[in-house]
Amino acid sequence: MLQSKTDNPLDGLHLETYVRADADGVASCAAGLLAARCAEAVSRRGVFTLALSGGSTPLTLFRLLRTEAWAARVDWAHTRVFWVDERCVAPDHPASNYGAANQELLAHVPAAEIYPMDGEIDPGESAVAYEELLRQHVPAEQGMPRLDCALLGMGDDGHTASLFPGSPLLFLFGEGKGSGAAMLFLLLAVTGEATCLIFRRDRHIWALEKKKPSDPS
């Protein structure tokens, strides 16, 4: 079990790196980080805004979070759930990120509000609708919605949330292609500004937090 910390006082970034022995250890570590961020957000302003990603990476974590022990450690009654990416398919389609999260986690916990992306209408219309939804339900800072936490995986090439290295996409919401289907995804302007980003890959977890000058270290 390894852990390291890196701080950049100039931009308020705080990075912690965790290495665990196996997938169960990674899931337990990520669950602990999520539960702590949830408690902080609910204590501060009464709501926790969480964005989930798709793929197979988060499934072990989802199954852990729905267990009785972990479900009691996350204040689901004050949690609003969003997605960082979604395929343009029906919610019950096997490729749906919402469908996987609902089956493995959300159907088993009392999350207060769940906001999936609409993969069944025109992608452009869905993007506009989800942007408006984010502006309505995610508290804003400096004019932009700021999520409390985003759970993200990482591909072999470093891509995350359907955003690939070198991508010029920096808007609030967009559409693209992935796994043979059109994709909807939050862009860097929103995902990257989350108070805490939790990345997972293999046995590693990186937790990147953005702290204000007044926040304790």
C-alpha atoms as a PDB file:
ATOM      1  CA  MET A   1       0.000   0.000   0.000  1.00  0.00           C
ATOM      2  CA  LEU A   2       1.586   3.258  -1.158  1.00  0.00           C
ATOM      3  CA  GLN A   3       0.468   6.860  -0.906  1.00  0.00           C
ATOM      4  CA  SER A   4       2.091  10.133  -1.935  1.00  0.00           C
ATOM      5  CA  LYS A   5       1.058  13.781  -1.863  1.00  0.00           C
ATOM      6  CA  THR A   6       1.852  16.716  -4.121  1.00  0.00           C
ATOM      7  CA  ASP A   7       0.819  20.337  -3.558  1.00  0.00           C
ATOM      8  CA  ASN A   8       1.030  23.368  -5.809  1.00  0.00           C
ATOM      9  CA  PRO A   9       0.321  26.412  -3.607  1.00  0.00           C
ATOM     10  CA  LEU A  10       0.246  28.720  -6.630  1.00  0.00           C
ATOM     11  CA  ASP A  11      -2.927  27.246  -8.096  1.00  0.00           C
ATOM     12  CA  GLY A  12      -4.356  25.558  -5.016  1.00  0.00           C
ATOM     13  CA  LEU A  13      -4.016  22.022  -6.391  1.00  0.00           C
ATOM     14  CA  HIS A  14      -3.557  19.078  -4.072  1.00  0.00           C
ATOM     15  CA  LEU A  15      -2.797  15.660  -5.581  1.00  0.00           C
ATOM     16  CA  GLU A  16      -2.743  12.369  -3.707  1.00  0.00           C
ATOM     17  CA  THR A  17      -1.649   9.120  -5.342  1.00  0.00           C
ATOM     18  CA  TYR A  18      -2.705   5.751  -3.956  1.00  0.00           C
ATOM     19  CA  VAL A  19      -1.563   2.269  -4.976  1.00  0.00           C
ATOM     20  CA  ARG A  20      -3.487  -0.767  -3.821  1.00  0.00           C
ATOM     21  CA  ALA A  21      -2.863  -4.492  -4.182  1.00  0.00           C
ATOM     22  CA  ASP A  22      -5.979  -5.357  -6.156  1.00  0.00           C
ATOM     23  CA  ALA A  23      -9.299  -4.158  -7.560  1.00  0.00           C
ATOM     24  CA  ASP A  24     -11.057  -4.553  -4.215  1.00  0.00           C
ATOM     25  CA  GLY A  25      -8.457  -2.379  -2.531  1.00  0.00           C
ATOM     26  CA  VAL A  26      -8.816   0.266  -5.244  1.00  0.00           C
ATOM     27  CA  ALA A  27     -12.604   0.242  -4.852  1.00  0.00           C
ATOM     28  CA  SER A  28     -12.370   0.563  -1.068  1.00  0.00           C
ATOM     29  CA  CYS A  29      -9.947   3.467  -1.358  1.00  0.00           C
ATOM     30  CA  ALA A  30     -12.145   5.271  -3.904  1.00  0.00           C
ATOM     31  CA  ALA A  31     -15.243   4.673  -1.768  1.00  0.00           C
ATOM     32  CA  GLY A  32     -13.511   6.230   1.228  1.00  0.00           C
ATOM     33  CA  LEU A  33     -12.527   9.288  -0.780  1.00  0.00           C
ATOM     34  CA  LEU A  34     -16.062   9.680  -2.141  1.00  0.00           C
ATOM     35  CA  ALA A  35     -17.656   9.319   1.299  1.00  0.00           C
ATOM     36  CA  ALA A  36     -15.340  11.962   2.755  1.00  0.00           C
ATOM     37  CA  ARG A  37     -16.055  14.440  -0.046  1.00  0.00           C
ATOM     38  CA  CYS A  38     -19.779  13.803   0.359  1.00  0.00           C
ATOM     39  CA  ALA A  39     -19.655  14.529   4.085  1.00  0.00           C
ATOM     40  CA  GLU A  40     -17.694  17.741   3.486  1.00  0.00           C
ATOM     41  CA  ALA A  41     -20.088  19.018   0.818  1.00  0.00           C
ATOM     42  CA  VAL A  42     -23.257  18.208   2.754  1.00  0.00           C
ATOM     43  CA  SER A  43     -21.843  19.832   5.880  1.00  0.00           C
ATOM     44  CA  ARG A  44     -20.869  22.940   3.916  1.00  0.00           C
ATOM     45  CA  ARG A  45     -24.023  23.540   1.875  1.00  0.00           C
ATOM     46  CA  GLY A  46     -26.449  20.689   2.315  1.00  0.00           C
ATOM     47  CA  VAL A  47     -25.940  18.912  -1.026  1.00  0.00           C
ATOM     48  CA  PHE A  48     -23.322  16.722  -2.720  1.00  0.00           C
ATOM     49  CA  THR A  49     -23.045  16.824  -6.514  1.00  0.00           C
ATOM     50  CA  LEU A  50     -21.425  13.722  -7.994  1.00  0.00           C
ATOM     51  CA  ALA A  51     -20.665  12.864 -11.636  1.00  0.00           C
ATOM     52  CA  LEU A  52     -20.181   9.232 -12.664  1.00  0.00           C
ATOM     53  CA  SER A  53     -18.325   7.830 -15.652  1.00  0.00           C
ATOM     54  CA  GLY A  54     -19.014   4.724 -17.701  1.00  0.00           C
ATOM     55  CA  GLY A  55     -17.091   1.672 -18.799  1.00  0.00           C
ATOM     56  CA  SER A  56     -16.090  -1.319 -16.728  1.00  0.00           C
ATOM     57  CA  THR A  57     -13.701   0.585 -14.417  1.00  0.00           C
ATOM     58  CA  PRO A  58     -16.270   1.790 -11.843  1.00  0.00           C
ATOM     59  CA  LEU A  59     -18.334  -1.408 -11.579  1.00  0.00           C
ATOM     60  CA  THR A  60     -16.390  -2.873  -8.639  1.00  0.00           C
ATOM     61  CA  LEU A  61     -16.740   0.455  -6.842  1.00  0.00           C
ATOM     62  CA  PHE A  62     -20.477   0.625  -7.587  1.00  0.00           C
ATOM     63  CA  ARG A  63     -21.014  -2.859  -6.155  1.00  0.00           C
ATOM     64  CA  LEU A  64     -19.080  -1.943  -3.013  1.00  0.00           C
ATOM     65  CA  LEU A  65     -20.977   1.319  -2.468  1.00  0.00           C
ATOM     66  CA  ARG A  66     -24.334  -0.467  -2.506  1.00  0.00           C
ATOM     67  CA  THR A  67     -23.379  -2.804   0.358  1.00  0.00           C
ATOM     68  CA  GLU A  68     -25.015  -2.082   3.691  1.00  0.00           C
ATOM     69  CA  ALA A  69     -21.800  -0.921   5.337  1.00  0.00           C
ATOM     70  CA  TRP A  70     -20.856   1.548   2.603  1.00  0.00           C
ATOM     71  CA  ALA A  71     -24.373   2.723   1.781  1.00  0.00           C
ATOM     72  CA  ALA A  72     -24.593   4.005   5.356  1.00  0.00           C
ATOM     73  CA  ARG A  73     -21.351   5.987   4.970  1.00  0.00           C
ATOM     74  CA  VAL A  74     -22.526   8.031   1.972  1.00  0.00           C
ATOM     75  CA  ASP A  75     -25.318  10.569   2.503  1.00  0.00           C
ATOM     76  CA  TRP A  76     -27.304   9.515  -0.553  1.00  0.00           C
ATOM     77  CA  ALA A  77     -30.369  11.451   0.618  1.00  0.00           C
ATOM     78  CA  HIS A  78     -28.476  14.692  -0.097  1.00  0.00           C
ATOM     79  CA  THR A  79     -26.669  13.519  -3.238  1.00  0.00           C
ATOM     80  CA  ARG A  80     -27.383  14.647  -6.802  1.00  0.00           C
ATOM     81  CA  VAL A  81     -26.003  12.261  -9.413  1.00  0.00           C
ATOM     82  CA  PHE A  82     -24.896  13.307 -12.905  1.00  0.00           C
ATOM     83  CA  TRP A  83     -22.812  11.701 -15.676  1.00  0.00           C
ATOM     84  CA  VAL A  84     -19.600  12.825 -17.341  1.00  0.00           C
ATOM     85  CA  ASP A  85     -20.304  10.834 -20.508  1.00  0.00           C
ATOM     86  CA  GLU A  86     -22.978   8.708 -22.139  1.00  0.00           C
ATOM     87  CA  ARG A  87     -23.588   6.801 -25.352  1.00  0.00           C
ATOM     88  CA  CYS A  88     -26.527   7.799 -27.513  1.00  0.00           C
ATOM     89  CA  VAL A  89     -28.554   4.704 -26.710  1.00  0.00           C
ATOM     90  CA  ALA A  90     -31.673   3.884 -24.700  1.00  0.00           C
ATOM     91  CA  PRO A  91     -31.228   3.719 -20.903  1.00  0.00           C
ATOM     92  CA  ASP A  92     -31.881  -0.020 -20.915  1.00  0.00           C
ATOM     93  CA  HIS A  93     -29.319  -0.683 -23.679  1.00  0.00           C
ATOM     94  CA  PRO A  94     -26.307  -2.797 -22.557  1.00  0.00           C
ATOM     95  CA  ALA A  95     -23.951   0.028 -23.585  1.00  0.00           C
ATOM     96  CA  SER A  96     -25.720   2.702 -21.517  1.00  0.00           C
ATOM     97  CA  ASN A  97     -23.546   4.207 -18.794  1.00  0.00           C
ATOM     98  CA  TYR A  98     -26.661   5.198 -16.872  1.00  0.00           C
ATOM     99  CA  GLY A  99     -28.042   1.680 -17.225  1.00  0.00           C
ATOM    100  CA  ALA A 100     -24.894   0.130 -15.762  1.00  0.00           C
ATOM    101  CA  ALA A 101     -24.770   2.590 -12.861  1.00  0.00           C
ATOM    102  CA  ASN A 102     -28.456   2.108 -12.147  1.00  0.00           C
ATOM    103  CA  GLN A 103     -28.222  -1.673 -12.202  1.00  0.00           C
ATOM    104  CA  GLU A 104     -25.058  -1.912 -10.118  1.00  0.00           C
ATOM    105  CA  LEU A 105     -25.572   1.000  -7.697  1.00  0.00           C
ATOM    106  CA  LEU A 106     -28.384   3.525  -7.959  1.00  0.00           C
ATOM    107  CA  ALA A 107     -31.281   1.068  -7.814  1.00  0.00           C
ATOM    108  CA  HIS A 108     -29.911  -0.036  -4.441  1.00  0.00           C
ATOM    109  CA  VAL A 109     -29.322   3.316  -2.683  1.00  0.00           C
ATOM    110  CA  PRO A 110     -31.668   6.236  -1.895  1.00  0.00           C
ATOM    111  CA  ALA A 111     -29.994   8.891  -4.042  1.00  0.00           C
ATOM    112  CA  ALA A 112     -31.997  12.103  -3.770  1.00  0.00           C
ATOM    113  CA  GLU A 113     -31.827  13.200  -7.408  1.00  0.00           C
ATOM    114  CA  ILE A 114     -30.568  11.356 -10.497  1.00  0.00           C
ATOM    115  CA  TYR A 115     -29.939  13.216 -13.764  1.00  0.00           C
ATOM    116  CA  PRO A 116     -28.979  10.923 -16.672  1.00  0.00           C
ATOM    117  CA  MET A 117     -28.140  12.265 -20.104  1.00  0.00           C
ATOM    118  CA  ASP A 118     -30.814  11.660 -22.741  1.00  0.00           C
ATOM    119  CA  GLY A 119     -29.276   9.311 -25.302  1.00  0.00           C
ATOM    120  CA  GLU A 120     -32.461   8.824 -27.299  1.00  0.00           C
ATOM    121  CA  ILE A 121     -32.949  12.280 -28.807  1.00  0.00           C
ATOM    122  CA  ASP A 122     -30.814  14.307 -31.221  1.00  0.00           C
ATOM    123  CA  PRO A 123     -27.344  14.619 -29.648  1.00  0.00           C
ATOM    124  CA  GLY A 124     -27.256  18.393 -30.157  1.00  0.00           C
ATOM    125  CA  GLU A 125     -30.618  18.808 -28.460  1.00  0.00           C
ATOM    126  CA  SER A 126     -29.524  16.522 -25.643  1.00  0.00           C
ATOM    127  CA  ALA A 127     -26.345  18.565 -25.142  1.00  0.00           C
ATOM    128  CA  VAL A 128     -28.290  21.823 -24.877  1.00  0.00           C
ATOM    129  CA  ALA A 129     -30.781  20.260 -22.454  1.00  0.00           C
ATOM    130  CA  TYR A 130     -28.056  18.809 -20.213  1.00  0.00           C
ATOM    131  CA  GLU A 131     -26.175  22.084 -20.094  1.00  0.00           C
ATOM    132  CA  GLU A 132     -29.327  23.812 -18.866  1.00  0.00           C
ATOM    133  CA  LEU A 133     -29.909  21.031 -16.349  1.00  0.00           C
ATOM    134  CA  LEU A 134     -26.391  21.431 -14.962  1.00  0.00           C
ATOM    135  CA  ARG A 135     -26.839  25.173 -14.616  1.00  0.00           C
ATOM    136  CA  GLN A 136     -30.083  24.597 -12.711  1.00  0.00           C
ATOM    137  CA  HIS A 137     -28.948  21.857 -10.328  1.00  0.00           C
ATOM    138  CA  VAL A 138     -25.194  22.292  -9.797  1.00  0.00           C
ATOM    139  CA  PRO A 139     -24.151  25.299  -7.690  1.00  0.00           C
ATOM    140  CA  ALA A 140     -22.088  27.725  -9.766  1.00  0.00           C
ATOM    141  CA  GLU A 141     -18.799  29.465  -9.076  1.00  0.00           C
ATOM    142  CA  GLN A 142     -17.683  32.307 -11.338  1.00  0.00           C
ATOM    143  CA  GLY A 143     -20.584  31.586 -13.672  1.00  0.00           C
ATOM    144  CA  MET A 144     -19.855  27.883 -14.224  1.00  0.00           C
ATOM    145  CA  PRO A 145     -21.415  24.805 -12.574  1.00  0.00           C
ATOM    146  CA  ARG A 146     -18.909  23.311 -10.131  1.00  0.00           C
ATOM    147  CA  LEU A 147     -19.355  19.655  -9.229  1.00  0.00           C
ATOM    148  CA  ASP A 148     -18.173  18.453  -5.841  1.00  0.00           C
ATOM    149  CA  CYS A 149     -16.725  15.211  -7.195  1.00  0.00           C
ATOM    150  CA  ALA A 150     -16.241  13.422 -10.517  1.00  0.00           C
ATOM    151  CA  LEU A 151     -15.337   9.734 -10.679  1.00  0.00           C
ATOM    152  CA  LEU A 152     -13.207   9.039 -13.743  1.00  0.00           C
ATOM    153  CA  GLY A 153     -11.389   6.149 -15.351  1.00  0.00           C
ATOM    154  CA  MET A 154      -8.290   6.441 -17.524  1.00  0.00           C
ATOM    155  CA  GLY A 155      -7.523   4.674 -20.805  1.00  0.00           C
ATOM    156  CA  ASP A 156      -4.205   3.325 -22.061  1.00  0.00           C
ATOM    157  CA  ASP A 157      -3.670   6.559 -24.005  1.00  0.00           C
ATOM    158  CA  GLY A 158      -4.592   8.770 -21.069  1.00  0.00           C
ATOM    159  CA  HIS A 159      -8.111   9.575 -22.242  1.00  0.00           C
ATOM    160  CA  THR A 160     -10.794  10.160 -19.632  1.00  0.00           C
ATOM    161  CA  ALA A 161     -14.511  11.001 -19.796  1.00  0.00           C
ATOM    162  CA  SER A 162     -14.414  10.463 -23.591  1.00  0.00           C
ATOM    163  CA  LEU A 163     -11.843  13.272 -23.884  1.00  0.00           C
ATOM    164  CA  PHE A 164      -8.607  12.294 -25.597  1.00  0.00           C
ATOM    165  CA  PRO A 165      -5.120  13.828 -25.303  1.00  0.00           C
ATOM    166  CA  GLY A 166      -4.757  16.855 -27.567  1.00  0.00           C
ATOM    167  CA  SER A 167      -8.501  17.421 -27.864  1.00  0.00           C
ATOM    168  CA  PRO A 168      -9.351  21.111 -28.471  1.00  0.00           C
ATOM    169  CA  LEU A 169     -12.788  20.684 -26.887  1.00  0.00           C
ATOM    170  CA  LEU A 170     -13.096  23.033 -23.940  1.00  0.00           C
ATOM    171  CA  PHE A 171     -16.793  23.864 -23.955  1.00  0.00           C
ATOM    172  CA  LEU A 172     -19.413  23.000 -21.353  1.00  0.00           C
ATOM    173  CA  PHE A 173     -20.941  20.044 -23.150  1.00  0.00           C
ATOM    174  CA  GLY A 174     -20.360  18.237 -26.430  1.00  0.00           C
ATOM    175  CA  GLU A 175     -20.952  15.244 -28.625  1.00  0.00           C
ATOM    176  CA  GLY A 176     -18.619  12.853 -30.426  1.00  0.00           C
ATOM    177  CA  LYS A 177     -18.022   9.210 -31.336  1.00  0.00           C
ATOM    178  CA  GLY A 178     -17.032   6.302 -29.155  1.00  0.00           C
ATOM    179  CA  SER A 179     -17.367   2.488 -29.181  1.00  0.00           C
ATOM    180  CA  GLY A 180     -19.371   2.617 -32.406  1.00  0.00           C
ATOM    181  CA  ALA A 181     -22.045   4.944 -31.015  1.00  0.00           C
ATOM    182  CA  ALA A 182     -22.389   8.691 -30.763  1.00  0.00           C
ATOM    183  CA  MET A 183     -21.242   9.996 -27.395  1.00  0.00           C
ATOM    184  CA  LEU A 184     -22.349  12.814 -25.122  1.00  0.00           C
ATOM    185  CA  PHE A 185     -19.838  14.106 -22.597  1.00  0.00           C
ATOM    186  CA  LEU A 186     -19.047  16.912 -20.215  1.00  0.00           C
ATOM    187  CA  LEU A 187     -16.028  18.869 -21.384  1.00  0.00           C
ATOM    188  CA  LEU A 188     -12.989  20.097 -19.530  1.00  0.00           C
ATOM    189  CA  ALA A 189     -14.628  23.394 -18.574  1.00  0.00           C
ATOM    190  CA  VAL A 190     -16.953  21.471 -16.228  1.00  0.00           C
ATOM    191  CA  THR A 191     -15.247  18.171 -15.409  1.00  0.00           C
ATOM    192  CA  GLY A 192     -11.878  19.805 -14.831  1.00  0.00           C
ATOM    193  CA  GLU A 193     -13.358  22.357 -12.436  1.00  0.00           C
ATOM    194  CA  ALA A 194     -14.879  19.808 -10.059  1.00  0.00           C
ATOM    195  CA  THR A 195     -13.729  20.339  -6.482  1.00  0.00           C
ATOM    196  CA  CYS A 196     -12.348  16.797  -6.457  1.00  0.00           C
ATOM    197  CA  LEU A 197     -11.428  14.545  -9.386  1.00  0.00           C
ATOM    198  CA  ILE A 198     -10.898  10.875  -8.585  1.00  0.00           C
ATOM    199  CA  PHE A 199      -9.094   8.992 -11.378  1.00  0.00           C
ATOM    200  CA  ARG A 200      -8.759   5.221 -11.337  1.00  0.00           C
ATOM    201  CA  ARG A 201      -6.587   2.932 -13.449  1.00  0.00           C
ATOM    202  CA  ASP A 202      -5.501  -0.609 -12.644  1.00  0.00           C
ATOM    203  CA  ARG A 203      -4.148  -0.514  -9.052  1.00  0.00           C
ATOM    204  CA  HIS A 204      -3.780   3.266  -8.952  1.00  0.00           C
ATOM    205  CA  ILE A 205      -5.977   6.108  -7.761  1.00  0.00           C
ATOM    206  CA  TRP A 206      -5.243   9.803  -8.146  1.00  0.00           C
ATOM    207  CA  ALA A 207      -7.321  12.289  -6.159  1.00  0.00           C
ATOM    208  CA  LEU A 208      -6.908  15.849  -7.431  1.00  0.00           C
ATOM    209  CA  GLU A 209      -8.486  18.515  -5.248  1.00  0.00           C
ATOM    210  CA  LYS A 210      -8.833  22.218  -5.842  1.00  0.00           C
ATOM    211  CA  LYS A 211      -8.625  24.238  -2.683  1.00  0.00           C
ATOM    212  CA  LYS A 212      -9.457  27.888  -2.154  1.00  0.00           C
ATOM    213  CA  PRO A 213      -6.923  30.048  -0.311  1.00  0.00           C
ATOM    214  CA  SER A 214      -9.161  29.949   2.788  1.00  0.00           C
ATOM    215  CA  ASP A 215      -9.465  26.145   2.798  1.00  0.00           C
ATOM    216  CA  PRO A 216      -7.421  24.221   5.356  1.00  0.00           C
ATOM    217  CA  SER A 217      -4.520  22.236   3.959  1.00  0.00           C
END
